[in-house]
Amino acid sequence: MAARRTALAFLAASLLFGGTFVAAKYGLQFFPPLLFVSLRFDVAAVALAAYVLLTRPLRSLLPRSRRDLAAIAAAGVFSVGLTNAFLFVGQQYATSAIGAIVFSLNPILTPVFAALLLDDERLSRRTALGMAVGLLGVAVVVNPTPDSLLAGGLGKLLLLGGAASAALGSVLIRRADGDLSSTTRTAWAFPLGALLTHALAAADGQTLDAVTWTHTGLAALAFVGVFAGALAFIAYFTLLDDAGPTHANLIFYVVPLAATAGGALVLDETITPLTVAGFLVVFAGFAIIGSRHLTTALTDFLPTDATQNATPTVRLDDATGHDAD
C-alpha cells in the first residue's frame, strides 16, 4: 500500500505541476500575468487552508519561533511569490514545454545556492560539472542569439529567473530550520505570495478591468489554483513523506514531459528537435549530480516483489534543499 501511494503521489504531482505550464499559457489570454498568478494564490490559499484546518490540530498550525517565521517568509516571497511571478510573465513568450524544461533546472541550481548559504554544504566537482551541463541544456532551449532574444528569449530568461528563485527559496527554508511541517508552512506561504503578487500587479497597473471573464478562463484559474496549486502541493508533500526529498525531486524531470504532452493536446504546440535535445542535456546534468541516487529512486518508484514492503530511504540532508514533513 505504501509503494502504491508513493507511485500515485508521484504521478499526481508530475501531471498537476506539468499542467501548470499548460493552464498558465492558456489562461494568459484572459488574465494579465501578475494578476493571474495573484488570483491563483487567492484560490490556492483558501483551498489549502481548508485542508490543513480539517486535518491538523490548530496548535500545530501556529508559528512558534523566529525560525518558523523566516521559513514562511522564504517560502512565500521566493518559492511561491517571485517564482510564479517570473513563471507567469515569462510564459507569455514561451511554449508550455519550453517553460517546463527551463524550470527543470531548479534541482541543478539548488546545490549551488546551498554551497553558498549553508555551512554544511560544499559544491563538489560532480555538482559543478552537473550544473555546467544543465546550463548548457538550458542554453540549447533558450538559443540566446539576437534573433531568438527578440522572438521571446526574454521570456525564457524570466523563466530561468523563476527556477533560480525557487532554488534559492528552498535553500533559505532549510537555512531557517523551522519546526513547522512543509504543508503547514506552505499554507502560510500561499497568502503571503498572494499579497506580494497582488502588489506587483498593482504596481504594473494590472486591474480586474483587464480580465476577460469567460467560463474557460475561470476553468484555467480553478485548475492552477486548486488542482495545480493546493492539490499538487498536497501530493508532493505526501511524496516527500513517503520517499524522501531526493526521490521526490525526480518529478522535475517528468514535469516537462507532462507539460509537453498537455501543450500539444490542448494548445496545439509543436515540439522542435532542439527542444528535445535541450531537455536531454538538462536531464544529463541532473543525472551527473544525482547519479548515486537514481537507481535506488527508480527502483522505489517501480516496486518489485522484493521492494514493495521495503521502507523508503529518507535523506533529510539532501542537496536539493527540501525538507520532508
C-alpha atoms as a PDB file:
ATOM      1  CA  MET A   1       0.000   0.000   0.000  1.00  0.00           C
ATOM      2  CA  ALA A   2       2.849   2.403   0.835  1.00  0.00           C
ATOM      3  CA  ALA A   3       4.531   1.752  -2.524  1.00  0.00           C
ATOM      4  CA  ARG A   4       1.208   2.228  -4.311  1.00  0.00           C
ATOM      5  CA  ARG A   5       0.552   5.534  -2.513  1.00  0.00           C
ATOM      6  CA  THR A   6       4.060   6.724  -3.382  1.00  0.00           C
ATOM      7  CA  ALA A   7       3.553   5.894  -7.064  1.00  0.00           C
ATOM      8  CA  LEU A   8       0.164   7.638  -7.130  1.00  0.00           C
ATOM      9  CA  ALA A   9       1.564  10.743  -5.416  1.00  0.00           C
ATOM     10  CA  PHE A  10       4.472  10.826  -7.877  1.00  0.00           C
ATOM     11  CA  LEU A  11       2.116  10.556 -10.849  1.00  0.00           C
ATOM     12  CA  ALA A  12      -0.324  13.160  -9.477  1.00  0.00           C
ATOM     13  CA  ALA A  13       2.370  15.719  -8.622  1.00  0.00           C
ATOM     14  CA  SER A  14       4.076  15.288 -12.010  1.00  0.00           C
ATOM     15  CA  LEU A  15       0.859  15.641 -14.016  1.00  0.00           C
ATOM     16  CA  LEU A  16      -0.528  18.543 -11.977  1.00  0.00           C
ATOM     17  CA  PHE A  17       2.710  20.541 -11.892  1.00  0.00           C
ATOM     18  CA  GLY A  18       3.158  19.860 -15.607  1.00  0.00           C
ATOM     19  CA  GLY A  19      -0.382  21.078 -16.170  1.00  0.00           C
ATOM     20  CA  THR A  20       0.542  24.389 -14.528  1.00  0.00           C
ATOM     21  CA  PHE A  21       2.520  25.425 -17.602  1.00  0.00           C
ATOM     22  CA  VAL A  22      -0.316  24.489 -19.952  1.00  0.00           C
ATOM     23  CA  ALA A  23      -3.053  26.184 -17.910  1.00  0.00           C
ATOM     24  CA  ALA A  24      -0.883  29.262 -17.341  1.00  0.00           C
ATOM     25  CA  LYS A  25      -0.231  29.610 -21.058  1.00  0.00           C
ATOM     26  CA  TYR A  26      -3.924  29.123 -21.826  1.00  0.00           C
ATOM     27  CA  GLY A  27      -5.189  31.439 -19.086  1.00  0.00           C
ATOM     28  CA  LEU A  28      -2.942  34.332 -20.109  1.00  0.00           C
ATOM     29  CA  GLN A  29      -5.326  35.140 -22.957  1.00  0.00           C
ATOM     30  CA  PHE A  30      -7.941  36.058 -20.312  1.00  0.00           C
ATOM     31  CA  PHE A  31      -5.845  37.443 -17.411  1.00  0.00           C
ATOM     32  CA  PRO A  32      -2.868  39.837 -17.152  1.00  0.00           C
ATOM     33  CA  PRO A  33       0.046  37.657 -15.956  1.00  0.00           C
ATOM     34  CA  LEU A  34       0.726  39.107 -12.492  1.00  0.00           C
ATOM     35  CA  LEU A  35      -2.967  39.403 -11.707  1.00  0.00           C
ATOM     36  CA  PHE A  36      -3.456  35.816 -12.895  1.00  0.00           C
ATOM     37  CA  VAL A  37      -0.813  34.470 -10.531  1.00  0.00           C
ATOM     38  CA  SER A  38      -2.117  36.545  -7.609  1.00  0.00           C
ATOM     39  CA  LEU A  39      -5.673  35.265  -8.148  1.00  0.00           C
ATOM     40  CA  ARG A  40      -4.213  31.762  -8.385  1.00  0.00           C
ATOM     41  CA  PHE A  41      -2.797  32.090  -4.881  1.00  0.00           C
ATOM     42  CA  ASP A  42      -6.009  33.588  -3.547  1.00  0.00           C
ATOM     43  CA  VAL A  43      -7.761  30.383  -4.636  1.00  0.00           C
ATOM     44  CA  ALA A  44      -4.920  28.091  -3.511  1.00  0.00           C
ATOM     45  CA  ALA A  45      -4.662  29.793  -0.109  1.00  0.00           C
ATOM     46  CA  VAL A  46      -8.334  29.174   0.643  1.00  0.00           C
ATOM     47  CA  ALA A  47      -8.190  25.565  -0.567  1.00  0.00           C
ATOM     48  CA  LEU A  48      -5.011  24.645   1.347  1.00  0.00           C
ATOM     49  CA  ALA A  49      -6.146  26.498   4.491  1.00  0.00           C
ATOM     50  CA  ALA A  50      -9.341  24.437   4.483  1.00  0.00           C
ATOM     51  CA  TYR A  51      -7.286  21.244   4.089  1.00  0.00           C
ATOM     52  CA  VAL A  52      -4.897  21.922   6.989  1.00  0.00           C
ATOM     53  CA  LEU A  53      -7.695  23.123   9.283  1.00  0.00           C
ATOM     54  CA  LEU A  54      -9.572  19.871   8.681  1.00  0.00           C
ATOM     55  CA  THR A  55      -6.545  17.575   9.022  1.00  0.00           C
ATOM     56  CA  ARG A  56      -4.212  19.211  11.579  1.00  0.00           C
ATOM     57  CA  PRO A  57      -4.618  20.246  15.244  1.00  0.00           C
ATOM     58  CA  LEU A  58      -4.941  24.022  15.498  1.00  0.00           C
ATOM     59  CA  ARG A  59      -1.946  24.374  17.836  1.00  0.00           C
ATOM     60  CA  SER A  60       0.326  22.718  15.252  1.00  0.00           C
ATOM     61  CA  LEU A  61      -0.520  25.396  12.666  1.00  0.00           C
ATOM     62  CA  LEU A  62       0.832  28.403  14.575  1.00  0.00           C
ATOM     63  CA  PRO A  63       4.423  29.650  14.079  1.00  0.00           C
ATOM     64  CA  ARG A  64       6.270  29.417  17.388  1.00  0.00           C
ATOM     65  CA  SER A  65       9.671  30.913  16.684  1.00  0.00           C
ATOM     66  CA  ARG A  66      11.608  33.330  14.506  1.00  0.00           C
ATOM     67  CA  ARG A  67      12.861  30.328  12.566  1.00  0.00           C
ATOM     68  CA  ASP A  68       9.288  29.407  11.650  1.00  0.00           C
ATOM     69  CA  LEU A  69       8.606  32.985  10.534  1.00  0.00           C
ATOM     70  CA  ALA A  70      11.830  33.071   8.496  1.00  0.00           C
ATOM     71  CA  ALA A  71      10.889  29.800   6.766  1.00  0.00           C
ATOM     72  CA  ILE A  72       7.401  31.111   5.967  1.00  0.00           C
ATOM     73  CA  ALA A  73       8.903  34.340   4.579  1.00  0.00           C
ATOM     74  CA  ALA A  74      11.362  32.418   2.388  1.00  0.00           C
ATOM     75  CA  ALA A  75       8.596  30.167   1.084  1.00  0.00           C
ATOM     76  CA  GLY A  76       6.111  32.975   0.499  1.00  0.00           C
ATOM     77  CA  VAL A  77       8.481  35.504  -1.082  1.00  0.00           C
ATOM     78  CA  PHE A  78      10.786  33.260  -3.116  1.00  0.00           C
ATOM     79  CA  SER A  79       9.346  29.737  -3.535  1.00  0.00           C
ATOM     80  CA  VAL A  80       5.769  30.940  -4.093  1.00  0.00           C
ATOM     81  CA  GLY A  81       5.613  34.653  -4.936  1.00  0.00           C
ATOM     82  CA  LEU A  82       8.606  35.568  -7.092  1.00  0.00           C
ATOM     83  CA  THR A  83       8.933  32.086  -8.598  1.00  0.00           C
ATOM     84  CA  ASN A  84       5.419  32.172 -10.006  1.00  0.00           C
ATOM     85  CA  ALA A  85       5.580  35.855 -10.949  1.00  0.00           C
ATOM     86  CA  PHE A  86       8.577  35.041 -13.155  1.00  0.00           C
ATOM     87  CA  LEU A  87       6.847  31.906 -14.455  1.00  0.00           C
ATOM     88  CA  PHE A  88       3.563  33.538 -15.474  1.00  0.00           C
ATOM     89  CA  VAL A  89       5.183  36.620 -17.023  1.00  0.00           C
ATOM     90  CA  GLY A  90       7.763  34.515 -18.857  1.00  0.00           C
ATOM     91  CA  GLN A  91       5.154  32.030 -20.027  1.00  0.00           C
ATOM     92  CA  GLN A  92       3.727  34.725 -22.327  1.00  0.00           C
ATOM     93  CA  TYR A  93       6.744  34.295 -24.589  1.00  0.00           C
ATOM     94  CA  ALA A  94       7.409  30.542 -24.451  1.00  0.00           C
ATOM     95  CA  THR A  95       5.544  27.299 -25.034  1.00  0.00           C
ATOM     96  CA  SER A  96       4.445  25.073 -22.163  1.00  0.00           C
ATOM     97  CA  ALA A  97       7.203  22.562 -22.953  1.00  0.00           C
ATOM     98  CA  ILE A  98       9.994  25.142 -23.014  1.00  0.00           C
ATOM     99  CA  GLY A  99       8.730  26.714 -19.789  1.00  0.00           C
ATOM    100  CA  ALA A 100       8.795  23.363 -18.003  1.00  0.00           C
ATOM    101  CA  ILE A 101      12.224  22.456 -19.405  1.00  0.00           C
ATOM    102  CA  VAL A 102      13.805  25.734 -18.263  1.00  0.00           C
ATOM    103  CA  PHE A 103      12.162  25.293 -14.863  1.00  0.00           C
ATOM    104  CA  SER A 104      13.613  21.788 -14.589  1.00  0.00           C
ATOM    105  CA  LEU A 105      16.957  23.471 -13.910  1.00  0.00           C
ATOM    106  CA  ASN A 106      15.710  24.044 -10.341  1.00  0.00           C
ATOM    107  CA  PRO A 107      17.286  20.908  -8.767  1.00  0.00           C
ATOM    108  CA  ILE A 108      20.590  21.722 -10.505  1.00  0.00           C
ATOM    109  CA  LEU A 109      20.699  25.317  -9.242  1.00  0.00           C
ATOM    110  CA  THR A 110      19.773  24.373  -5.676  1.00  0.00           C
ATOM    111  CA  PRO A 111      23.142  22.823  -4.685  1.00  0.00           C
ATOM    112  CA  VAL A 112      24.900  25.998  -5.850  1.00  0.00           C
ATOM    113  CA  PHE A 113      22.836  28.188  -3.509  1.00  0.00           C
ATOM    114  CA  ALA A 114      23.225  25.567  -0.782  1.00  0.00           C
ATOM    115  CA  ALA A 115      27.020  25.705  -1.092  1.00  0.00           C
ATOM    116  CA  LEU A 116      26.925  29.500  -0.760  1.00  0.00           C
ATOM    117  CA  LEU A 117      24.404  29.796   2.082  1.00  0.00           C
ATOM    118  CA  LEU A 118      24.604  26.595   4.134  1.00  0.00           C
ATOM    119  CA  ASP A 119      27.572  25.808   6.340  1.00  0.00           C
ATOM    120  CA  ASP A 120      27.240  22.044   5.871  1.00  0.00           C
ATOM    121  CA  GLU A 121      27.126  22.137   2.059  1.00  0.00           C
ATOM    122  CA  ARG A 122      30.078  22.277  -0.330  1.00  0.00           C
ATOM    123  CA  LEU A 123      29.971  22.477  -4.111  1.00  0.00           C
ATOM    124  CA  SER A 124      31.649  19.256  -5.248  1.00  0.00           C
ATOM    125  CA  ARG A 125      33.267  18.737  -8.622  1.00  0.00           C
ATOM    126  CA  ARG A 126      30.400  16.402  -9.549  1.00  0.00           C
ATOM    127  CA  THR A 127      27.841  19.107  -8.739  1.00  0.00           C
ATOM    128  CA  ALA A 128      29.811  21.785 -10.604  1.00  0.00           C
ATOM    129  CA  LEU A 129      30.009  19.559 -13.686  1.00  0.00           C
ATOM    130  CA  GLY A 130      26.290  18.736 -13.495  1.00  0.00           C
ATOM    131  CA  MET A 131      25.494  22.432 -13.118  1.00  0.00           C
ATOM    132  CA  ALA A 132      27.549  23.288 -16.208  1.00  0.00           C
ATOM    133  CA  VAL A 133      25.871  20.554 -18.262  1.00  0.00           C
ATOM    134  CA  GLY A 134      22.417  21.652 -17.076  1.00  0.00           C
ATOM    135  CA  LEU A 135      23.106  25.267 -18.012  1.00  0.00           C
ATOM    136  CA  LEU A 136      24.275  24.082 -21.418  1.00  0.00           C
ATOM    137  CA  GLY A 137      20.952  22.290 -21.883  1.00  0.00           C
ATOM    138  CA  VAL A 138      19.002  25.418 -20.995  1.00  0.00           C
ATOM    139  CA  ALA A 139      21.171  27.414 -23.393  1.00  0.00           C
ATOM    140  CA  VAL A 140      20.192  24.962 -26.132  1.00  0.00           C
ATOM    141  CA  VAL A 141      16.496  25.521 -25.330  1.00  0.00           C
ATOM    142  CA  VAL A 142      16.782  29.309 -24.945  1.00  0.00           C
ATOM    143  CA  ASN A 143      19.030  29.625 -28.031  1.00  0.00           C
ATOM    144  CA  PRO A 144      20.327  33.076 -26.989  1.00  0.00           C
ATOM    145  CA  THR A 145      21.012  34.612 -30.392  1.00  0.00           C
ATOM    146  CA  PRO A 146      19.944  38.216 -31.182  1.00  0.00           C
ATOM    147  CA  ASP A 147      17.064  36.898 -33.312  1.00  0.00           C
ATOM    148  CA  SER A 148      15.828  34.458 -30.664  1.00  0.00           C
ATOM    149  CA  LEU A 149      16.006  37.061 -27.893  1.00  0.00           C
ATOM    150  CA  LEU A 150      13.840  39.383 -29.963  1.00  0.00           C
ATOM    151  CA  ALA A 151      11.440  36.468 -30.608  1.00  0.00           C
ATOM    152  CA  GLY A 152      10.746  35.540 -26.993  1.00  0.00           C
ATOM    153  CA  GLY A 153      14.152  34.855 -25.486  1.00  0.00           C
ATOM    154  CA  LEU A 154      13.421  37.374 -22.718  1.00  0.00           C
ATOM    155  CA  GLY A 155      10.529  35.183 -21.581  1.00  0.00           C
ATOM    156  CA  LYS A 156      12.845  32.181 -21.356  1.00  0.00           C
ATOM    157  CA  LEU A 157      15.286  34.213 -19.248  1.00  0.00           C
ATOM    158  CA  LEU A 158      12.414  35.192 -16.946  1.00  0.00           C
ATOM    159  CA  LEU A 159      11.550  31.510 -16.604  1.00  0.00           C
ATOM    160  CA  LEU A 160      15.177  30.854 -15.693  1.00  0.00           C
ATOM    161  CA  GLY A 161      14.830  33.574 -13.051  1.00  0.00           C
ATOM    162  CA  GLY A 162      11.812  31.710 -11.701  1.00  0.00           C
ATOM    163  CA  ALA A 163      13.805  28.481 -11.436  1.00  0.00           C
ATOM    164  CA  ALA A 164      16.571  30.362  -9.604  1.00  0.00           C
ATOM    165  CA  SER A 165      14.038  31.927  -7.218  1.00  0.00           C
ATOM    166  CA  ALA A 166      12.550  28.504  -6.443  1.00  0.00           C
ATOM    167  CA  ALA A 167      16.011  27.051  -5.796  1.00  0.00           C
ATOM    168  CA  LEU A 168      17.015  29.988  -3.576  1.00  0.00           C
ATOM    169  CA  GLY A 169      13.754  29.753  -1.656  1.00  0.00           C
ATOM    170  CA  SER A 170      14.238  26.064  -0.888  1.00  0.00           C
ATOM    171  CA  VAL A 171      17.743  26.739   0.468  1.00  0.00           C
ATOM    172  CA  LEU A 172      16.565  29.686   2.588  1.00  0.00           C
ATOM    173  CA  ILE A 173      13.801  27.481   4.018  1.00  0.00           C
ATOM    174  CA  ARG A 174      16.400  24.922   5.005  1.00  0.00           C
ATOM    175  CA  ARG A 175      18.672  27.644   6.408  1.00  0.00           C
ATOM    176  CA  ALA A 176      15.800  28.901   8.587  1.00  0.00           C
ATOM    177  CA  ASP A 177      15.378  25.378  10.016  1.00  0.00           C
ATOM    178  CA  GLY A 178      11.846  25.972  11.317  1.00  0.00           C
ATOM    179  CA  ASP A 179       9.705  23.411  13.100  1.00  0.00           C
ATOM    180  CA  LEU A 180       6.505  23.741  11.046  1.00  0.00           C
ATOM    181  CA  SER A 181       5.660  20.905   8.677  1.00  0.00           C
ATOM    182  CA  SER A 182       6.127  21.690   4.998  1.00  0.00           C
ATOM    183  CA  THR A 183       2.359  21.514   4.371  1.00  0.00           C
ATOM    184  CA  THR A 184       1.602  23.983   7.163  1.00  0.00           C
ATOM    185  CA  ARG A 185       4.439  26.272   6.071  1.00  0.00           C
ATOM    186  CA  THR A 186       3.026  26.362   2.538  1.00  0.00           C
ATOM    187  CA  ALA A 187      -0.461  27.107   3.887  1.00  0.00           C
ATOM    188  CA  TRP A 188       1.057  30.270   5.380  1.00  0.00           C
ATOM    189  CA  ALA A 189       3.200  30.931   2.307  1.00  0.00           C
ATOM    190  CA  PHE A 190       0.275  30.997  -0.150  1.00  0.00           C
ATOM    191  CA  PRO A 191      -1.411  34.133   1.308  1.00  0.00           C
ATOM    192  CA  LEU A 192       1.998  35.816   1.625  1.00  0.00           C
ATOM    193  CA  GLY A 193       2.745  35.031  -2.021  1.00  0.00           C
ATOM    194  CA  ALA A 194      -0.728  36.317  -2.950  1.00  0.00           C
ATOM    195  CA  LEU A 195      -0.074  39.640  -1.186  1.00  0.00           C
ATOM    196  CA  LEU A 196       3.299  40.009  -2.942  1.00  0.00           C
ATOM    197  CA  THR A 197       1.966  39.252  -6.411  1.00  0.00           C
ATOM    198  CA  HIS A 198      -1.105  41.471  -5.883  1.00  0.00           C
ATOM    199  CA  ALA A 199       1.316  44.301  -5.007  1.00  0.00           C
ATOM    200  CA  LEU A 200       3.392  43.605  -8.141  1.00  0.00           C
ATOM    201  CA  ALA A 201       0.223  43.530 -10.270  1.00  0.00           C
ATOM    202  CA  ALA A 202      -0.970  46.839  -8.807  1.00  0.00           C
ATOM    203  CA  ALA A 203       2.444  48.433  -9.370  1.00  0.00           C
ATOM    204  CA  ASP A 204       2.269  47.350 -13.023  1.00  0.00           C
ATOM    205  CA  GLY A 205      -1.246  48.745 -13.378  1.00  0.00           C
ATOM    206  CA  GLN A 206      -2.904  45.346 -13.818  1.00  0.00           C
ATOM    207  CA  THR A 207      -6.519  45.520 -12.609  1.00  0.00           C
ATOM    208  CA  LEU A 208      -9.642  43.387 -12.791  1.00  0.00           C
ATOM    209  CA  ASP A 209     -10.898  45.641 -15.593  1.00  0.00           C
ATOM    210  CA  ALA A 210      -8.345  43.969 -17.866  1.00  0.00           C
ATOM    211  CA  VAL A 211      -9.730  40.474 -17.206  1.00  0.00           C
ATOM    212  CA  THR A 212     -11.883  38.779 -19.835  1.00  0.00           C
ATOM    213  CA  TRP A 213     -14.360  36.813 -17.733  1.00  0.00           C
ATOM    214  CA  THR A 214     -15.254  33.565 -19.502  1.00  0.00           C
ATOM    215  CA  HIS A 215     -16.066  30.031 -18.408  1.00  0.00           C
ATOM    216  CA  THR A 216     -12.823  28.705 -19.914  1.00  0.00           C
ATOM    217  CA  GLY A 217     -10.774  31.446 -18.263  1.00  0.00           C
ATOM    218  CA  LEU A 218     -12.306  30.635 -14.879  1.00  0.00           C
ATOM    219  CA  ALA A 219     -11.620  26.936 -15.517  1.00  0.00           C
ATOM    220  CA  ALA A 220      -7.937  27.760 -16.105  1.00  0.00           C
ATOM    221  CA  LEU A 221      -7.866  29.780 -12.861  1.00  0.00           C
ATOM    222  CA  ALA A 222      -9.544  26.953 -10.942  1.00  0.00           C
ATOM    223  CA  PHE A 223      -7.029  24.457 -12.306  1.00  0.00           C
ATOM    224  CA  VAL A 224      -3.911  26.457 -11.388  1.00  0.00           C
ATOM    225  CA  GLY A 225      -5.408  27.387  -8.016  1.00  0.00           C
ATOM    226  CA  VAL A 226      -6.990  24.168  -6.782  1.00  0.00           C
ATOM    227  CA  PHE A 227      -5.521  21.310  -8.829  1.00  0.00           C
ATOM    228  CA  ALA A 228      -2.056  22.579  -9.828  1.00  0.00           C
ATOM    229  CA  GLY A 229      -1.933  24.639  -6.631  1.00  0.00           C
ATOM    230  CA  ALA A 230      -3.284  23.122  -3.427  1.00  0.00           C
ATOM    231  CA  LEU A 231      -3.765  19.508  -4.590  1.00  0.00           C
ATOM    232  CA  ALA A 232      -0.397  19.363  -6.375  1.00  0.00           C
ATOM    233  CA  PHE A 233       1.409  20.500  -3.233  1.00  0.00           C
ATOM    234  CA  ILE A 234      -0.507  18.002  -1.095  1.00  0.00           C
ATOM    235  CA  ALA A 235       0.579  15.209  -3.477  1.00  0.00           C
ATOM    236  CA  TYR A 236       4.161  16.491  -3.436  1.00  0.00           C
ATOM    237  CA  PHE A 237       4.250  16.624   0.369  1.00  0.00           C
ATOM    238  CA  THR A 238       2.868  13.080   0.520  1.00  0.00           C
ATOM    239  CA  LEU A 239       5.711  12.065  -1.775  1.00  0.00           C
ATOM    240  CA  LEU A 240       8.231  13.815   0.462  1.00  0.00           C
ATOM    241  CA  ASP A 241       6.883  11.929   3.482  1.00  0.00           C
ATOM    242  CA  ASP A 242       6.921   8.526   1.783  1.00  0.00           C
ATOM    243  CA  ALA A 243      10.024   8.653  -0.424  1.00  0.00           C
ATOM    244  CA  GLY A 244      12.221  11.490   0.835  1.00  0.00           C
ATOM    245  CA  PRO A 245      13.363  14.646  -0.959  1.00  0.00           C
ATOM    246  CA  THR A 246      15.962  13.060  -3.243  1.00  0.00           C
ATOM    247  CA  HIS A 247      13.438  10.677  -4.789  1.00  0.00           C
ATOM    248  CA  ALA A 248      10.585  13.196  -4.726  1.00  0.00           C
ATOM    249  CA  ASN A 249      12.504  15.717  -6.820  1.00  0.00           C
ATOM    250  CA  LEU A 250      12.584  13.286  -9.726  1.00  0.00           C
ATOM    251  CA  ILE A 251       9.212  14.834 -10.599  1.00  0.00           C
ATOM    252  CA  PHE A 252      11.073  17.848 -12.001  1.00  0.00           C
ATOM    253  CA  TYR A 253      12.203  15.591 -14.854  1.00  0.00           C
ATOM    254  CA  VAL A 254       8.740  14.181 -15.554  1.00  0.00           C
ATOM    255  CA  VAL A 255       7.007  17.580 -15.382  1.00  0.00           C
ATOM    256  CA  PRO A 256       8.390  18.684 -18.806  1.00  0.00           C
ATOM    257  CA  LEU A 257       7.011  15.510 -20.391  1.00  0.00           C
ATOM    258  CA  ALA A 258       3.554  16.215 -18.924  1.00  0.00           C
ATOM    259  CA  ALA A 259       3.748  19.873 -19.997  1.00  0.00           C
ATOM    260  CA  THR A 260       4.874  18.905 -23.488  1.00  0.00           C
ATOM    261  CA  ALA A 261       2.029  16.416 -23.948  1.00  0.00           C
ATOM    262  CA  GLY A 262      -0.512  18.850 -22.496  1.00  0.00           C
ATOM    263  CA  GLY A 263       0.706  21.709 -24.664  1.00  0.00           C
ATOM    264  CA  ALA A 264       0.443  19.571 -27.796  1.00  0.00           C
ATOM    265  CA  LEU A 265      -3.047  18.269 -26.932  1.00  0.00           C
ATOM    266  CA  VAL A 266      -4.629  21.442 -25.535  1.00  0.00           C
ATOM    267  CA  LEU A 267      -2.739  24.290 -27.208  1.00  0.00           C
ATOM    268  CA  ASP A 268      -1.589  22.627 -30.466  1.00  0.00           C
ATOM    269  CA  GLU A 269       2.018  23.484 -29.628  1.00  0.00           C
ATOM    270  CA  THR A 270       4.757  21.935 -31.739  1.00  0.00           C
ATOM    271  CA  ILE A 271       7.877  20.338 -30.278  1.00  0.00           C
ATOM    272  CA  THR A 272      11.117  21.041 -32.099  1.00  0.00           C
ATOM    273  CA  PRO A 273      14.125  18.703 -32.143  1.00  0.00           C
ATOM    274  CA  LEU A 274      16.132  21.488 -30.434  1.00  0.00           C
ATOM    275  CA  THR A 275      13.691  21.487 -27.506  1.00  0.00           C
ATOM    276  CA  VAL A 276      14.011  17.712 -27.118  1.00  0.00           C
ATOM    277  CA  ALA A 277      17.810  17.925 -27.312  1.00  0.00           C
ATOM    278  CA  GLY A 278      17.878  20.668 -24.684  1.00  0.00           C
ATOM    279  CA  PHE A 279      15.741  18.636 -22.300  1.00  0.00           C
ATOM    280  CA  LEU A 280      18.025  15.612 -22.685  1.00  0.00           C
ATOM    281  CA  VAL A 281      21.084  17.735 -21.886  1.00  0.00           C
ATOM    282  CA  VAL A 282      19.381  19.224 -18.803  1.00  0.00           C
ATOM    283  CA  PHE A 283      18.455  15.719 -17.669  1.00  0.00           C
ATOM    284  CA  ALA A 284      22.089  14.646 -18.172  1.00  0.00           C
ATOM    285  CA  GLY A 285      23.169  17.441 -15.815  1.00  0.00           C
ATOM    286  CA  PHE A 286      20.767  16.189 -13.161  1.00  0.00           C
ATOM    287  CA  ALA A 287      21.951  12.606 -13.705  1.00  0.00           C
ATOM    288  CA  ILE A 288      25.562  13.678 -13.085  1.00  0.00           C
ATOM    289  CA  ILE A 289      24.614  15.364  -9.794  1.00  0.00           C
ATOM    290  CA  GLY A 290      22.240  12.661  -8.583  1.00  0.00           C
ATOM    291  CA  SER A 291      23.676   9.547 -10.202  1.00  0.00           C
ATOM    292  CA  ARG A 292      24.279   7.911  -6.827  1.00  0.00           C
ATOM    293  CA  HIS A 293      20.560   8.045  -6.083  1.00  0.00           C
ATOM    294  CA  LEU A 294      18.958   7.422  -9.477  1.00  0.00           C
ATOM    295  CA  THR A 295      18.998   3.629  -9.425  1.00  0.00           C
ATOM    296  CA  THR A 296      17.599   3.444  -5.901  1.00  0.00           C
ATOM    297  CA  ALA A 297      14.966   6.085  -6.675  1.00  0.00           C
ATOM    298  CA  LEU A 298      13.718   4.416  -9.832  1.00  0.00           C
ATOM    299  CA  THR A 299      13.608   1.075  -8.026  1.00  0.00           C
ATOM    300  CA  ASP A 300      11.428   2.636  -5.310  1.00  0.00           C
ATOM    301  CA  PHE A 301       9.042   4.146  -7.855  1.00  0.00           C
ATOM    302  CA  LEU A 302       8.812   0.893  -9.833  1.00  0.00           C
ATOM    303  CA  PRO A 303       8.453  -1.583  -6.957  1.00  0.00           C
ATOM    304  CA  THR A 304       9.060  -5.297  -7.456  1.00  0.00           C
ATOM    305  CA  ASP A 305       8.115  -8.118  -5.107  1.00  0.00           C
ATOM    306  CA  ALA A 306      11.383  -7.548  -3.306  1.00  0.00           C
ATOM    307  CA  THR A 307      10.812  -3.820  -2.755  1.00  0.00           C
ATOM    308  CA  GLN A 308       7.067  -3.402  -2.237  1.00  0.00           C
ATOM    309  CA  ASN A 309       7.328  -3.863   1.506  1.00  0.00           C
ATOM    310  CA  ALA A 310      10.621  -2.081   1.914  1.00  0.00           C
ATOM    311  CA  THR A 311      10.860   1.165   3.854  1.00  0.00           C
ATOM    312  CA  PRO A 312      11.925   4.054   1.570  1.00  0.00           C
ATOM    313  CA  THR A 313      15.185   5.745   2.416  1.00  0.00           C
ATOM    314  CA  VAL A 314      14.731   9.351   3.557  1.00  0.00           C
ATOM    315  CA  ARG A 315      17.656  11.762   3.313  1.00  0.00           C
ATOM    316  CA  LEU A 316      16.970  14.986   5.190  1.00  0.00           C
ATOM    317  CA  ASP A 317      20.383  16.388   4.250  1.00  0.00           C
ATOM    318  CA  ASP A 318      19.596  16.280   0.555  1.00  0.00           C
ATOM    319  CA  ALA A 319      21.408  18.701  -1.753  1.00  0.00           C
ATOM    320  CA  THR A 320      18.124  19.902  -3.209  1.00  0.00           C
ATOM    321  CA  GLY A 321      17.420  21.834  -0.023  1.00  0.00           C
ATOM    322  CA  HIS A 322      13.923  20.419   0.580  1.00  0.00           C
ATOM    323  CA  ASP A 323      12.946  19.059   3.982  1.00  0.00           C
ATOM    324  CA  ALA A 324      10.289  16.407   4.401  1.00  0.00           C
ATOM    325  CA  ASP A 325       7.446  16.835   6.904  1.00  0.00           C
END
